[in-house]
Amino acid sequence: MSAALPGAGVSVRLWGARSDAPATGEGRQGATTRRLGRDPRAWVRRAQSFAVVRFHEVWPGIDVVHRGEAGGLRYDFELAE
């Protein structure tokens, strides 16, 4: 499906991967505010958005890189030399 859905999210689970892998963003796109319900304490303000998000050392020597591409989401596994 290629339709954009307001409020839609993506969840990816990688078996055996580190759940605490550090992430960095590249190509800052701006910031957004997400209001979850009526309670302002649950709102997320000024959340950074990036063109590329890299999860470092998800497995030893392997990074996972997520990027938006042509209206969809692409991910690559990058291997250390």
C-alpha atoms as a PDB file:
ATOM      1  CA  MET A   1       0.000   0.000   0.000  1.00  0.00           C
ATOM      2  CA  SER A   2       1.385   3.430  -0.891  1.00  0.00           C
ATOM      3  CA  ALA A   3      -1.239   5.728   0.670  1.00  0.00           C
ATOM      4  CA  ALA A   4      -0.162   8.088   3.423  1.00  0.00           C
ATOM      5  CA  LEU A   5      -2.225   7.737   6.600  1.00  0.00           C
ATOM      6  CA  PRO A   6      -2.331  10.604   9.107  1.00  0.00           C
ATOM      7  CA  GLY A   7      -1.060   9.432  12.491  1.00  0.00           C
ATOM      8  CA  ALA A   8       0.269   6.149  11.064  1.00  0.00           C
ATOM      9  CA  GLY A   9       3.441   4.670  12.506  1.00  0.00           C
ATOM     10  CA  VAL A  10       5.929   1.975  11.671  1.00  0.00           C
ATOM     11  CA  SER A  11       7.292  -0.665  14.001  1.00  0.00           C
ATOM     12  CA  VAL A  12      10.197  -2.918  13.050  1.00  0.00           C
ATOM     13  CA  ARG A  13      11.480  -5.727  15.254  1.00  0.00           C
ATOM     14  CA  LEU A  14      14.863  -7.269  14.459  1.00  0.00           C
ATOM     15  CA  TRP A  15      15.327 -10.675  16.103  1.00  0.00           C
ATOM     16  CA  GLY A  16      18.419 -10.932  18.260  1.00  0.00           C
ATOM     17  CA  ALA A  17      19.291  -7.260  17.783  1.00  0.00           C
ATOM     18  CA  ARG A  18      20.281  -4.835  20.548  1.00  0.00           C
ATOM     19  CA  SER A  19      17.200  -3.048  21.849  1.00  0.00           C
ATOM     20  CA  ASP A  20      19.392  -0.255  23.252  1.00  0.00           C
ATOM     21  CA  ALA A  21      21.339   0.506  20.047  1.00  0.00           C
ATOM     22  CA  PRO A  22      22.134   4.225  19.892  1.00  0.00           C
ATOM     23  CA  ALA A  23      20.451   6.143  17.078  1.00  0.00           C
ATOM     24  CA  THR A  24      21.534   9.280  15.245  1.00  0.00           C
ATOM     25  CA  GLY A  25      19.666  11.421  12.749  1.00  0.00           C
ATOM     26  CA  GLU A  26      21.124  12.827   9.538  1.00  0.00           C
ATOM     27  CA  GLY A  27      19.709  15.556   7.306  1.00  0.00           C
ATOM     28  CA  ARG A  28      17.486  17.361   9.792  1.00  0.00           C
ATOM     29  CA  GLN A  29      14.054  18.017   8.272  1.00  0.00           C
ATOM     30  CA  GLY A  30      12.494  20.082  11.056  1.00  0.00           C
ATOM     31  CA  ALA A  31      10.411  19.506  14.158  1.00  0.00           C
ATOM     32  CA  THR A  32       6.838  18.462  14.813  1.00  0.00           C
ATOM     33  CA  THR A  33       4.427  18.435  17.733  1.00  0.00           C
ATOM     34  CA  ARG A  34       2.216  15.434  18.390  1.00  0.00           C
ATOM     35  CA  ARG A  35      -0.813  15.809  20.611  1.00  0.00           C
ATOM     36  CA  LEU A  36      -1.888  12.545  22.195  1.00  0.00           C
ATOM     37  CA  GLY A  37      -5.283  13.082  23.782  1.00  0.00           C
ATOM     38  CA  ARG A  38      -6.375  16.137  25.755  1.00  0.00           C
ATOM     39  CA  ASP A  39      -3.700  16.007  28.452  1.00  0.00           C
ATOM     40  CA  PRO A  40      -0.818  18.351  27.498  1.00  0.00           C
ATOM     41  CA  ARG A  41       1.561  16.280  29.648  1.00  0.00           C
ATOM     42  CA  ALA A  42       1.214  13.436  27.115  1.00  0.00           C
ATOM     43  CA  TRP A  43       2.021  15.665  24.132  1.00  0.00           C
ATOM     44  CA  VAL A  44       5.370  15.431  22.368  1.00  0.00           C
ATOM     45  CA  ARG A  45       6.683  18.886  21.528  1.00  0.00           C
ATOM     46  CA  ARG A  46       9.365  19.845  19.032  1.00  0.00           C
ATOM     47  CA  ALA A  47      10.233  16.238  18.123  1.00  0.00           C
ATOM     48  CA  GLN A  48      13.105  16.251  15.648  1.00  0.00           C
ATOM     49  CA  SER A  49      12.540  14.721  12.221  1.00  0.00           C
ATOM     50  CA  PHE A  50      15.355  13.526   9.982  1.00  0.00           C
ATOM     51  CA  ALA A  51      15.801  12.314   6.410  1.00  0.00           C
ATOM     52  CA  VAL A  52      17.913   9.378   7.643  1.00  0.00           C
ATOM     53  CA  VAL A  53      18.015   7.588  11.013  1.00  0.00           C
ATOM     54  CA  ARG A  54      20.944   5.270  11.760  1.00  0.00           C
ATOM     55  CA  PHE A  55      20.881   2.641  14.524  1.00  0.00           C
ATOM     56  CA  HIS A  56      24.508   1.839  15.404  1.00  0.00           C
ATOM     57  CA  GLU A  57      25.816  -1.665  16.110  1.00  0.00           C
ATOM     58  CA  VAL A  58      22.383  -3.312  16.138  1.00  0.00           C
ATOM     59  CA  TRP A  59      24.369  -6.514  15.763  1.00  0.00           C
ATOM     60  CA  PRO A  60      28.180  -6.526  16.076  1.00  0.00           C
ATOM     61  CA  GLY A  61      29.543  -4.663  13.045  1.00  0.00           C
ATOM     62  CA  ILE A  62      26.083  -3.967  11.560  1.00  0.00           C
ATOM     63  CA  ASP A  63      24.172  -0.663  11.469  1.00  0.00           C
ATOM     64  CA  VAL A  64      20.555  -0.370  10.316  1.00  0.00           C
ATOM     65  CA  VAL A  65      19.804   2.778   8.316  1.00  0.00           C
ATOM     66  CA  HIS A  66      16.196   3.942   7.760  1.00  0.00           C
ATOM     67  CA  ARG A  67      15.332   6.598   5.179  1.00  0.00           C
ATOM     68  CA  GLY A  68      12.247   7.975   3.532  1.00  0.00           C
ATOM     69  CA  GLU A  69      12.260   7.367  -0.200  1.00  0.00           C
ATOM     70  CA  ALA A  70       9.621   7.975  -2.894  1.00  0.00           C
ATOM     71  CA  GLY A  71       6.780   8.256  -0.377  1.00  0.00           C
ATOM     72  CA  GLY A  72       7.801   5.072   1.436  1.00  0.00           C
ATOM     73  CA  LEU A  73      10.318   3.797   3.948  1.00  0.00           C
ATOM     74  CA  ARG A  74      13.552   2.049   3.001  1.00  0.00           C
ATOM     75  CA  TYR A  75      16.035   0.388   5.305  1.00  0.00           C
ATOM     76  CA  ASP A  76      19.521  -0.915   4.676  1.00  0.00           C
ATOM     77  CA  PHE A  77      21.948  -3.014   6.678  1.00  0.00           C
ATOM     78  CA  GLU A  78      25.433  -1.526   6.540  1.00  0.00           C
ATOM     79  CA  LEU A  79      28.349  -3.802   7.374  1.00  0.00           C
ATOM     80  CA  ALA A  80      31.592  -2.579   8.959  1.00  0.00           C
ATOM     81  CA  GLU A  81      34.782  -3.235   7.002  1.00  0.00           C
END
